[in-house]
């Protein structure tokens, strides 16, 4: 983790990363966490083993922050990995209606 001074595009961040400007802390005994705190103007690099198939939403704790881009979806696995895990009547995008409608 560290602090950035200024605003950068994703492409600029990628170039800086390729130059090694964002060091990684590698450990044989990483912390077992589901939450990290990132200060204003800072960054956090996380590495994890994703072994639970599905679509997982990573987000900031404030809804407004998620609306302005501080959120992402991580897809774990392939379509074949997900077959049989999704109930046949599970709501899909654009077809959800609350019960009774």
PDB file of N, CA and C in Angstrom:
ATOM      1  N   UNK A   1       0.839  -1.177   0.000  1.00  0.00           N
ATOM      2  CA  UNK A   1       0.000   0.000   0.000  1.00  0.00           C
ATOM      3  C   UNK A   1       0.878   1.232   0.000  1.00  0.00           C
ATOM      4  N   UNK A   2       0.330   2.307  -0.459  1.00  0.00           N
ATOM      5  CA  UNK A   2       1.068   3.548  -0.494  1.00  0.00           C
ATOM      6  C   UNK A   2       0.152   4.705  -0.802  1.00  0.00           C
ATOM      7  N   UNK A   3       0.750   5.856  -1.004  1.00  0.00           N
ATOM      8  CA  UNK A   3      -0.007   7.077  -1.268  1.00  0.00           C
ATOM      9  C   UNK A   3       0.371   7.626  -2.635  1.00  0.00           C
ATOM     10  N   UNK A   4      -0.629   8.051  -3.385  1.00  0.00           N
ATOM     11  CA  UNK A   4      -0.410   8.692  -4.682  1.00  0.00           C
ATOM     12  C   UNK A   4      -0.592  10.195  -4.520  1.00  0.00           C
ATOM     13  N   UNK A   5       0.240  10.959  -5.166  1.00  0.00           N
ATOM     14  CA  UNK A   5       0.096  12.411  -5.157  1.00  0.00           C
ATOM     15  C   UNK A   5      -0.416  12.849  -6.519  1.00  0.00           C
ATOM     16  N   UNK A   6      -1.697  13.113  -6.612  1.00  0.00           N
ATOM     17  CA  UNK A   6      -2.282  13.534  -7.881  1.00  0.00           C
ATOM     18  C   UNK A   6      -3.255  12.508  -8.422  1.00  0.00           C
ATOM     19  N   UNK A   7      -3.740  12.790  -9.621  1.00  0.00           N
ATOM     20  CA  UNK A   7      -4.676  11.897 -10.300  1.00  0.00           C
ATOM     21  C   UNK A   7      -3.969  11.231 -11.469  1.00  0.00           C
ATOM     22  N   UNK A   8      -4.291   9.972 -11.692  1.00  0.00           N
ATOM     23  CA  UNK A   8      -3.654   9.204 -12.756  1.00  0.00           C
ATOM     24  C   UNK A   8      -4.696   8.382 -13.485  1.00  0.00           C
ATOM     25  N   UNK A   9      -4.491   8.189 -14.775  1.00  0.00           N
ATOM     26  CA  UNK A   9      -5.364   7.318 -15.548  1.00  0.00           C
ATOM     27  C   UNK A   9      -4.950   5.874 -15.298  1.00  0.00           C
ATOM     28  N   UNK A  10      -5.836   4.923 -15.597  1.00  0.00           N
ATOM     29  CA  UNK A  10      -5.423   3.518 -15.467  1.00  0.00           C
ATOM     30  C   UNK A  10      -4.171   3.203 -16.293  1.00  0.00           C
ATOM     31  N   UNK A  11      -4.049   3.784 -17.484  1.00  0.00           N
ATOM     32  CA  UNK A  11      -2.871   3.538 -18.328  1.00  0.00           C
ATOM     33  C   UNK A  11      -1.598   4.060 -17.659  1.00  0.00           C
ATOM     34  N   UNK A  12      -1.687   5.217 -17.026  1.00  0.00           N
ATOM     35  CA  UNK A  12      -0.519   5.768 -16.328  1.00  0.00           C
ATOM     36  C   UNK A  12      -0.124   4.898 -15.140  1.00  0.00           C
ATOM     37  N   UNK A  13      -1.118   4.397 -14.445  1.00  0.00           N
ATOM     38  CA  UNK A  13      -0.840   3.497 -13.315  1.00  0.00           C
ATOM     39  C   UNK A  13      -0.159   2.233 -13.822  1.00  0.00           C
ATOM     40  N   UNK A  14      -0.643   1.693 -14.935  1.00  0.00           N
ATOM     41  CA  UNK A  14      -0.051   0.478 -15.498  1.00  0.00           C
ATOM     42  C   UNK A  14       1.418   0.701 -15.858  1.00  0.00           C
ATOM     43  N   UNK A  15       1.728   1.840 -16.466  1.00  0.00           N
ATOM     44  CA  UNK A  15       3.115   2.148 -16.822  1.00  0.00           C
ATOM     45  C   UNK A  15       3.972   2.246 -15.560  1.00  0.00           C
ATOM     46  N   UNK A  16       3.471   2.946 -14.549  1.00  0.00           N
ATOM     47  CA  UNK A  16       4.223   3.070 -13.292  1.00  0.00           C
ATOM     48  C   UNK A  16       4.428   1.707 -12.642  1.00  0.00           C
ATOM     49  N   UNK A  17       3.415   0.861 -12.725  1.00  0.00           N
ATOM     50  CA  UNK A  17       3.527  -0.481 -12.148  1.00  0.00           C
ATOM     51  C   UNK A  17       4.583  -1.302 -12.890  1.00  0.00           C
ATOM     52  N   UNK A  18       4.585  -1.214 -14.214  1.00  0.00           N
ATOM     53  CA  UNK A  18       5.578  -1.955 -15.014  1.00  0.00           C
ATOM     54  C   UNK A  18       7.008  -1.490 -14.678  1.00  0.00           C
ATOM     55  N   UNK A  19       7.154  -0.241 -14.273  1.00  0.00           N
ATOM     56  CA  UNK A  19       8.464   0.288 -13.878  1.00  0.00           C
ATOM     57  C   UNK A  19       8.847  -0.132 -12.459  1.00  0.00           C
ATOM     58  N   UNK A  20       7.943  -0.826 -11.764  1.00  0.00           N
ATOM     59  CA  UNK A  20       8.239  -1.292 -10.412  1.00  0.00           C
ATOM     60  C   UNK A  20       8.011  -0.254  -9.331  1.00  0.00           C
ATOM     61  N   UNK A  21       7.211   0.774  -9.623  1.00  0.00           N
ATOM     62  CA  UNK A  21       6.982   1.842  -8.655  1.00  0.00           C
ATOM     63  C   UNK A  21       5.998   1.458  -7.544  1.00  0.00           C
ATOM     64  N   UNK A  22       5.336   0.327  -7.690  1.00  0.00           N
ATOM     65  CA  UNK A  22       4.403  -0.134  -6.672  1.00  0.00           C
ATOM     66  C   UNK A  22       4.910  -1.476  -6.136  1.00  0.00           C
ATOM     67  N   UNK A  23       5.770  -1.431  -5.135  1.00  0.00           N
ATOM     68  CA  UNK A  23       6.363  -2.679  -4.632  1.00  0.00           C
ATOM     69  C   UNK A  23       5.317  -3.592  -3.997  1.00  0.00           C
ATOM     70  N   UNK A  24       5.572  -4.866  -4.100  1.00  0.00           N
ATOM     71  CA  UNK A  24       4.712  -5.877  -3.490  1.00  0.00           C
ATOM     72  C   UNK A  24       5.372  -6.402  -2.225  1.00  0.00           C
ATOM     73  N   UNK A  25       4.562  -6.651  -1.229  1.00  0.00           N
ATOM     74  CA  UNK A  25       5.027  -7.291  -0.015  1.00  0.00           C
ATOM     75  C   UNK A  25       4.585  -8.750  -0.108  1.00  0.00           C
ATOM     76  N   UNK A  26       5.520  -9.612  -0.338  1.00  0.00           N
ATOM     77  CA  UNK A  26       5.198 -11.033  -0.481  1.00  0.00           C
ATOM     78  C   UNK A  26       5.445 -11.718   0.853  1.00  0.00           C
ATOM     79  N   UNK A  27       4.530 -12.595   1.225  1.00  0.00           N
ATOM     80  CA  UNK A  27       4.646 -13.265   2.511  1.00  0.00           C
ATOM     81  C   UNK A  27       4.149 -14.695   2.394  1.00  0.00           C
ATOM     82  N   UNK A  28       4.809 -15.579   3.113  1.00  0.00           N
ATOM     83  CA  UNK A  28       4.332 -16.959   3.202  1.00  0.00           C
ATOM     84  C   UNK A  28       3.198 -17.082   4.216  1.00  0.00           C
ATOM     85  N   UNK A  29       2.998 -16.024   5.001  1.00  0.00           N
ATOM     86  CA  UNK A  29       1.969 -16.022   6.033  1.00  0.00           C
ATOM     87  C   UNK A  29       1.130 -14.742   5.930  1.00  0.00           C
ATOM     88  N   UNK A  30       0.348 -14.615   4.843  1.00  0.00           N
ATOM     89  CA  UNK A  30      -0.438 -13.383   4.675  1.00  0.00           C
ATOM     90  C   UNK A  30      -1.572 -13.316   5.694  1.00  0.00           C
ATOM     91  N   UNK A  31      -2.066 -12.109   5.960  1.00  0.00           N
ATOM     92  CA  UNK A  31      -3.208 -11.989   6.877  1.00  0.00           C
ATOM     93  C   UNK A  31      -4.456 -12.593   6.251  1.00  0.00           C
ATOM     94  N   UNK A  32      -5.306 -13.145   7.080  1.00  0.00           N
ATOM     95  CA  UNK A  32      -6.575 -13.708   6.629  1.00  0.00           C
ATOM     96  C   UNK A  32      -7.644 -12.652   6.894  1.00  0.00           C
ATOM     97  N   UNK A  33      -7.995 -11.881   5.844  1.00  0.00           N
ATOM     98  CA  UNK A  33      -8.909 -10.747   6.017  1.00  0.00           C
ATOM     99  C   UNK A  33      -9.963 -10.729   4.927  1.00  0.00           C
ATOM    100  N   UNK A  34     -11.062 -10.069   5.210  1.00  0.00           N
ATOM    101  CA  UNK A  34     -12.063  -9.813   4.173  1.00  0.00           C
ATOM    102  C   UNK A  34     -12.305  -8.319   4.005  1.00  0.00           C
ATOM    103  N   UNK A  35     -11.523  -7.502   4.703  1.00  0.00           N
ATOM    104  CA  UNK A  35     -11.668  -6.055   4.639  1.00  0.00           C
ATOM    105  C   UNK A  35     -10.296  -5.404   4.708  1.00  0.00           C
ATOM    106  N   UNK A  36     -10.085  -4.379   3.893  1.00  0.00           N
ATOM    107  CA  UNK A  36      -8.864  -3.573   3.989  1.00  0.00           C
ATOM    108  C   UNK A  36      -9.275  -2.105   4.020  1.00  0.00           C
ATOM    109  N   UNK A  37      -8.520  -1.309   4.736  1.00  0.00           N
ATOM    110  CA  UNK A  37      -8.780   0.133   4.821  1.00  0.00           C
ATOM    111  C   UNK A  37      -7.786   0.850   3.920  1.00  0.00           C
ATOM    112  N   UNK A  38      -8.301   1.696   3.046  1.00  0.00           N
ATOM    113  CA  UNK A  38      -7.468   2.462   2.127  1.00  0.00           C
ATOM    114  C   UNK A  38      -7.773   3.937   2.364  1.00  0.00           C
ATOM    115  N   UNK A  39      -6.753   4.694   2.723  1.00  0.00           N
ATOM    116  CA  UNK A  39      -6.920   6.117   3.007  1.00  0.00           C
ATOM    117  C   UNK A  39      -7.133   6.912   1.722  1.00  0.00           C
ATOM    118  N   UNK A  40      -7.685   8.095   1.853  1.00  0.00           N
ATOM    119  CA  UNK A  40      -7.885   9.008   0.731  1.00  0.00           C
ATOM    120  C   UNK A  40      -6.567   9.244  -0.002  1.00  0.00           C
ATOM    121  N   UNK A  41      -6.586   9.087  -1.327  1.00  0.00           N
ATOM    122  CA  UNK A  41      -5.385   9.316  -2.121  1.00  0.00           C
ATOM    123  C   UNK A  41      -4.376   8.190  -2.071  1.00  0.00           C
ATOM    124  N   UNK A  42      -4.772   7.066  -1.507  1.00  0.00           N
ATOM    125  CA  UNK A  42      -3.852   5.934  -1.360  1.00  0.00           C
ATOM    126  C   UNK A  42      -4.295   4.766  -2.230  1.00  0.00           C
ATOM    127  N   UNK A  43      -3.468   3.762  -2.274  1.00  0.00           N
ATOM    128  CA  UNK A  43      -3.800   2.551  -3.026  1.00  0.00           C
ATOM    129  C   UNK A  43      -3.451   1.333  -2.191  1.00  0.00           C
ATOM    130  N   UNK A  44      -4.036   0.231  -2.569  1.00  0.00           N
ATOM    131  CA  UNK A  44      -3.768  -1.055  -1.917  1.00  0.00           C
ATOM    132  C   UNK A  44      -3.695  -2.099  -3.015  1.00  0.00           C
ATOM    133  N   UNK A  45      -2.648  -2.871  -3.029  1.00  0.00           N
ATOM    134  CA  UNK A  45      -2.522  -3.989  -3.964  1.00  0.00           C
ATOM    135  C   UNK A  45      -2.806  -5.249  -3.168  1.00  0.00           C
ATOM    136  N   UNK A  46      -3.769  -6.013  -3.626  1.00  0.00           N
ATOM    137  CA  UNK A  46      -4.090  -7.264  -2.943  1.00  0.00           C
ATOM    138  C   UNK A  46      -3.925  -8.424  -3.916  1.00  0.00           C
ATOM    139  N   UNK A  47      -3.538  -9.537  -3.379  1.00  0.00           N
ATOM    140  CA  UNK A  47      -3.431 -10.773  -4.161  1.00  0.00           C
ATOM    141  C   UNK A  47      -4.133 -11.848  -3.364  1.00  0.00           C
ATOM    142  N   UNK A  48      -4.977 -12.594  -4.047  1.00  0.00           N
ATOM    143  CA  UNK A  48      -5.714 -13.631  -3.337  1.00  0.00           C
ATOM    144  C   UNK A  48      -5.979 -14.802  -4.267  1.00  0.00           C
ATOM    145  N   UNK A  49      -6.222 -15.936  -3.675  1.00  0.00           N
ATOM    146  CA  UNK A  49      -6.585 -17.131  -4.429  1.00  0.00           C
ATOM    147  C   UNK A  49      -8.102 -17.165  -4.493  1.00  0.00           C
ATOM    148  N   UNK A  50      -8.643 -17.119  -5.694  1.00  0.00           N
ATOM    149  CA  UNK A  50     -10.090 -17.137  -5.903  1.00  0.00           C
ATOM    150  C   UNK A  50     -10.481 -18.552  -6.320  1.00  0.00           C
ATOM    151  N   UNK A  51     -11.088 -19.288  -5.398  1.00  0.00           N
ATOM    152  CA  UNK A  51     -11.419 -20.683  -5.682  1.00  0.00           C
ATOM    153  C   UNK A  51     -12.892 -21.003  -5.428  1.00  0.00           C
ATOM    154  N   UNK A  52     -13.722 -19.975  -5.306  1.00  0.00           N
ATOM    155  CA  UNK A  52     -15.148 -20.174  -5.088  1.00  0.00           C
ATOM    156  C   UNK A  52     -15.880 -19.600  -6.302  1.00  0.00           C
ATOM    157  N   UNK A  53     -16.300 -20.436  -7.261  1.00  0.00           N
ATOM    158  CA  UNK A  53     -16.891 -19.941  -8.507  1.00  0.00           C
ATOM    159  C   UNK A  53     -18.080 -19.025  -8.268  1.00  0.00           C
ATOM    160  N   UNK A  54     -18.136 -17.984  -9.078  1.00  0.00           N
ATOM    161  CA  UNK A  54     -19.248 -17.040  -9.010  1.00  0.00           C
ATOM    162  C   UNK A  54     -18.808 -15.651  -9.416  1.00  0.00           C
ATOM    163  N   UNK A  55     -19.719 -14.713  -9.286  1.00  0.00           N
ATOM    164  CA  UNK A  55     -19.455 -13.301  -9.546  1.00  0.00           C
ATOM    165  C   UNK A  55     -19.448 -12.610  -8.194  1.00  0.00           C
ATOM    166  N   UNK A  56     -18.340 -11.974  -7.826  1.00  0.00           N
ATOM    167  CA  UNK A  56     -18.170 -11.391  -6.504  1.00  0.00           C
ATOM    168  C   UNK A  56     -17.975  -9.881  -6.618  1.00  0.00           C
ATOM    169  N   UNK A  57     -18.749  -9.148  -5.828  1.00  0.00           N
ATOM    170  CA  UNK A  57     -18.740  -7.692  -5.849  1.00  0.00           C
ATOM    171  C   UNK A  57     -17.787  -7.182  -4.773  1.00  0.00           C
ATOM    172  N   UNK A  58     -16.750  -6.460  -5.180  1.00  0.00           N
ATOM    173  CA  UNK A  58     -15.830  -5.815  -4.257  1.00  0.00           C
ATOM    174  C   UNK A  58     -16.161  -4.335  -4.264  1.00  0.00           C
ATOM    175  N   UNK A  59     -16.301  -3.742  -3.098  1.00  0.00           N
ATOM    176  CA  UNK A  59     -16.798  -2.365  -3.072  1.00  0.00           C
ATOM    177  C   UNK A  59     -16.312  -1.603  -1.853  1.00  0.00           C
ATOM    178  N   UNK A  60     -16.452  -0.315  -1.972  1.00  0.00           N
ATOM    179  CA  UNK A  60     -16.239   0.596  -0.859  1.00  0.00           C
ATOM    180  C   UNK A  60     -17.461   0.495   0.056  1.00  0.00           C
ATOM    181  N   UNK A  61     -17.305   0.895   1.298  1.00  0.00           N
ATOM    182  CA  UNK A  61     -18.417   0.802   2.242  1.00  0.00           C
ATOM    183  C   UNK A  61     -19.470   1.890   2.048  1.00  0.00           C
ATOM    184  N   UNK A  62     -19.175   2.902   1.246  1.00  0.00           N
ATOM    185  CA  UNK A  62     -20.149   3.967   0.999  1.00  0.00           C
ATOM    186  C   UNK A  62     -20.778   3.785  -0.385  1.00  0.00           C
ATOM    187  N   UNK A  63     -22.100   3.801  -0.450  1.00  0.00           N
ATOM    188  CA  UNK A  63     -22.779   3.627  -1.739  1.00  0.00           C
ATOM    189  C   UNK A  63     -22.338   4.669  -2.760  1.00  0.00           C
ATOM    190  N   UNK A  64     -22.180   5.921  -2.317  1.00  0.00           N
ATOM    191  CA  UNK A  64     -21.760   6.968  -3.245  1.00  0.00           C
ATOM    192  C   UNK A  64     -20.422   6.629  -3.886  1.00  0.00           C
ATOM    193  N   UNK A  65     -19.503   6.103  -3.105  1.00  0.00           N
ATOM    194  CA  UNK A  65     -18.195   5.742  -3.658  1.00  0.00           C
ATOM    195  C   UNK A  65     -18.323   4.643  -4.703  1.00  0.00           C
ATOM    196  N   UNK A  66     -19.200   3.695  -4.474  1.00  0.00           N
ATOM    197  CA  UNK A  66     -19.417   2.647  -5.477  1.00  0.00           C
ATOM    198  C   UNK A  66     -19.960   3.263  -6.765  1.00  0.00           C
ATOM    199  N   UNK A  67     -20.829   4.254  -6.640  1.00  0.00           N
ATOM    200  CA  UNK A  67     -21.401   4.912  -7.822  1.00  0.00           C
ATOM    201  C   UNK A  67     -20.352   5.649  -8.647  1.00  0.00           C
ATOM    202  N   UNK A  68     -19.289   6.152  -7.999  1.00  0.00           N
ATOM    203  CA  UNK A  68     -18.269   6.904  -8.738  1.00  0.00           C
ATOM    204  C   UNK A  68     -17.084   6.022  -9.132  1.00  0.00           C
ATOM    205  N   UNK A  69     -17.231   4.707  -8.971  1.00  0.00           N
ATOM    206  CA  UNK A  69     -16.219   3.809  -9.512  1.00  0.00           C
ATOM    207  C   UNK A  69     -15.363   3.063  -8.521  1.00  0.00           C
ATOM    208  N   UNK A  70     -15.635   3.189  -7.234  1.00  0.00           N
ATOM    209  CA  UNK A  70     -14.821   2.475  -6.251  1.00  0.00           C
ATOM    210  C   UNK A  70     -15.432   1.105  -5.961  1.00  0.00           C
ATOM    211  N   UNK A  71     -15.662   0.353  -7.029  1.00  0.00           N
ATOM    212  CA  UNK A  71     -16.235  -0.980  -6.915  1.00  0.00           C
ATOM    213  C   UNK A  71     -15.852  -1.770  -8.160  1.00  0.00           C
ATOM    214  N   UNK A  72     -15.899  -3.067  -8.042  1.00  0.00           N
ATOM    215  CA  UNK A  72     -15.642  -3.909  -9.203  1.00  0.00           C
ATOM    216  C   UNK A  72     -16.253  -5.280  -8.969  1.00  0.00           C
ATOM    217  N   UNK A  73     -16.409  -6.017 -10.057  1.00  0.00           N
ATOM    218  CA  UNK A  73     -16.913  -7.381  -9.991  1.00  0.00           C
ATOM    219  C   UNK A  73     -15.789  -8.303 -10.431  1.00  0.00           C
ATOM    220  N   UNK A  74     -15.568  -9.349  -9.653  1.00  0.00           N
ATOM    221  CA  UNK A  74     -14.554 -10.349  -9.991  1.00  0.00           C
ATOM    222  C   UNK A  74     -15.287 -11.625 -10.367  1.00  0.00           C
ATOM    223  N   UNK A  75     -14.978 -12.127 -11.544  1.00  0.00           N
ATOM    224  CA  UNK A  75     -15.570 -13.391 -11.974  1.00  0.00           C
ATOM    225  C   UNK A  75     -14.574 -14.499 -11.665  1.00  0.00           C
ATOM    226  N   UNK A  76     -15.033 -15.484 -10.911  1.00  0.00           N
ATOM    227  CA  UNK A  76     -14.194 -16.630 -10.567  1.00  0.00           C
ATOM    228  C   UNK A  76     -14.764 -17.843 -11.277  1.00  0.00           C
ATOM    229  N   UNK A  77     -13.952 -18.499 -12.068  1.00  0.00           N
ATOM    230  CA  UNK A  77     -14.380 -19.693 -12.770  1.00  0.00           C
ATOM    231  C   UNK A  77     -14.926 -19.396 -14.155  1.00  0.00           C
ATOM    232  N   UNK A  78     -15.348 -20.455 -14.799  1.00  0.00           N
ATOM    233  CA  UNK A  78     -15.881 -20.380 -16.160  1.00  0.00           C
ATOM    234  C   UNK A  78     -17.374 -20.712 -16.121  1.00  0.00           C
ATOM    235  N   UNK A  79     -18.043 -20.596 -17.264  1.00  0.00           N
ATOM    236  CA  UNK A  79     -19.459 -20.967 -17.331  1.00  0.00           C
ATOM    237  C   UNK A  79     -19.661 -22.411 -16.889  1.00  0.00           C
ATOM    238  N   UNK A  80     -18.726 -23.283 -17.279  1.00  0.00           N
ATOM    239  CA  UNK A  80     -18.842 -24.700 -16.903  1.00  0.00           C
ATOM    240  C   UNK A  80     -18.764 -24.871 -15.383  1.00  0.00           C
ATOM    241  N   UNK A  81     -17.931 -24.047 -14.716  1.00  0.00           N
ATOM    242  CA  UNK A  81     -17.820 -24.129 -13.257  1.00  0.00           C
ATOM    243  C   UNK A  81     -19.108 -23.707 -12.568  1.00  0.00           C
ATOM    244  N   UNK A  82     -19.879 -22.841 -13.227  1.00  0.00           N
ATOM    245  CA  UNK A  82     -21.091 -22.292 -12.611  1.00  0.00           C
ATOM    246  C   UNK A  82     -22.330 -23.128 -12.897  1.00  0.00           C
ATOM    247  N   UNK A  83     -22.262 -24.022 -13.874  1.00  0.00           N
ATOM    248  CA  UNK A  83     -23.431 -24.857 -14.192  1.00  0.00           C
ATOM    249  C   UNK A  83     -23.803 -25.701 -12.980  1.00  0.00           C
ATOM    250  N   UNK A  84     -25.070 -25.726 -12.683  1.00  0.00           N
ATOM    251  CA  UNK A  84     -25.548 -26.517 -11.555  1.00  0.00           C
ATOM    252  C   UNK A  84     -25.538 -25.736 -10.252  1.00  0.00           C
ATOM    253  N   UNK A  85     -24.829 -24.607 -10.198  1.00  0.00           N
ATOM    254  CA  UNK A  85     -24.801 -23.811  -8.979  1.00  0.00           C
ATOM    255  C   UNK A  85     -25.902 -22.752  -8.961  1.00  0.00           C
ATOM    256  N   UNK A  86     -26.388 -22.378 -10.143  1.00  0.00           N
ATOM    257  CA  UNK A  86     -27.402 -21.339 -10.249  1.00  0.00           C
ATOM    258  C   UNK A  86     -28.765 -22.004 -10.389  1.00  0.00           C
ATOM    259  N   UNK A  87     -29.708 -21.719  -9.480  1.00  0.00           N
ATOM    260  CA  UNK A  87     -31.039 -22.317  -9.596  1.00  0.00           C
ATOM    261  C   UNK A  87     -31.688 -21.933 -10.916  1.00  0.00           C
ATOM    262  N   UNK A  88     -32.488 -22.820 -11.508  1.00  0.00           N
ATOM    263  CA  UNK A  88     -33.093 -22.543 -12.816  1.00  0.00           C
ATOM    264  C   UNK A  88     -33.981 -21.302 -12.825  1.00  0.00           C
ATOM    265  N   UNK A  89     -34.622 -20.953 -11.713  1.00  0.00           N
ATOM    266  CA  UNK A  89     -35.517 -19.792 -11.679  1.00  0.00           C
ATOM    267  C   UNK A  89     -34.839 -18.560 -11.073  1.00  0.00           C
ATOM    268  N   UNK A  90     -33.528 -18.566 -10.970  1.00  0.00           N
ATOM    269  CA  UNK A  90     -32.800 -17.439 -10.392  1.00  0.00           C
ATOM    270  C   UNK A  90     -32.961 -16.209 -11.280  1.00  0.00           C
ATOM    271  N   UNK A  91     -33.283 -15.027 -10.696  1.00  0.00           N
ATOM    272  CA  UNK A  91     -33.495 -13.829 -11.518  1.00  0.00           C
ATOM    273  C   UNK A  91     -32.262 -13.471 -12.344  1.00  0.00           C
ATOM    274  N   UNK A  92     -32.471 -13.047 -13.565  1.00  0.00           N
ATOM    275  CA  UNK A  92     -31.413 -12.596 -14.460  1.00  0.00           C
ATOM    276  C   UNK A  92     -31.530 -11.085 -14.621  1.00  0.00           C
ATOM    277  N   UNK A  93     -30.516 -10.474 -15.138  1.00  0.00           N
ATOM    278  CA  UNK A  93     -30.557  -9.028 -15.384  1.00  0.00           C
ATOM    279  C   UNK A  93     -31.769  -8.687 -16.243  1.00  0.00           C
ATOM    280  N   UNK A  94     -32.458  -7.622 -15.888  1.00  0.00           N
ATOM    281  CA  UNK A  94     -33.588  -7.077 -16.631  1.00  0.00           C
ATOM    282  C   UNK A  94     -34.860  -7.920 -16.567  1.00  0.00           C
ATOM    283  N   UNK A  95     -34.876  -8.972 -15.735  1.00  0.00           N
ATOM    284  CA  UNK A  95     -36.130  -9.720 -15.657  1.00  0.00           C
ATOM    285  C   UNK A  95     -36.603  -9.902 -14.226  1.00  0.00           C
ATOM    286  N   UNK A  96     -36.019  -9.152 -13.290  1.00  0.00           N
ATOM    287  CA  UNK A  96     -36.415  -9.321 -11.895  1.00  0.00           C
ATOM    288  C   UNK A  96     -37.666  -8.511 -11.598  1.00  0.00           C
ATOM    289  N   UNK A  97     -38.603  -9.134 -10.970  1.00  0.00           N
ATOM    290  CA  UNK A  97     -39.799  -8.447 -10.482  1.00  0.00           C
ATOM    291  C   UNK A  97     -40.044  -8.967  -9.073  1.00  0.00           C
ATOM    292  N   UNK A  98     -40.354  -8.078  -8.144  1.00  0.00           N
ATOM    293  CA  UNK A  98     -40.643  -8.513  -6.780  1.00  0.00           C
ATOM    294  C   UNK A  98     -41.834  -9.475  -6.762  1.00  0.00           C
ATOM    295  N   UNK A  99     -41.927 -10.337  -5.765  1.00  0.00           N
ATOM    296  CA  UNK A  99     -43.053 -11.277  -5.681  1.00  0.00           C
ATOM    297  C   UNK A  99     -44.391 -10.529  -5.728  1.00  0.00           C
ATOM    298  N   UNK A 100     -45.340 -11.098  -6.436  1.00  0.00           N
ATOM    299  CA  UNK A 100     -46.679 -10.519  -6.520  1.00  0.00           C
ATOM    300  C   UNK A 100     -46.890  -9.603  -7.717  1.00  0.00           C
ATOM    301  N   UNK A 101     -45.855  -9.334  -8.518  1.00  0.00           N
ATOM    302  CA  UNK A 101     -46.014  -8.494  -9.704  1.00  0.00           C
ATOM    303  C   UNK A 101     -46.203  -9.312 -10.936  1.00  0.00           C
TER     304      UNK A 101
END
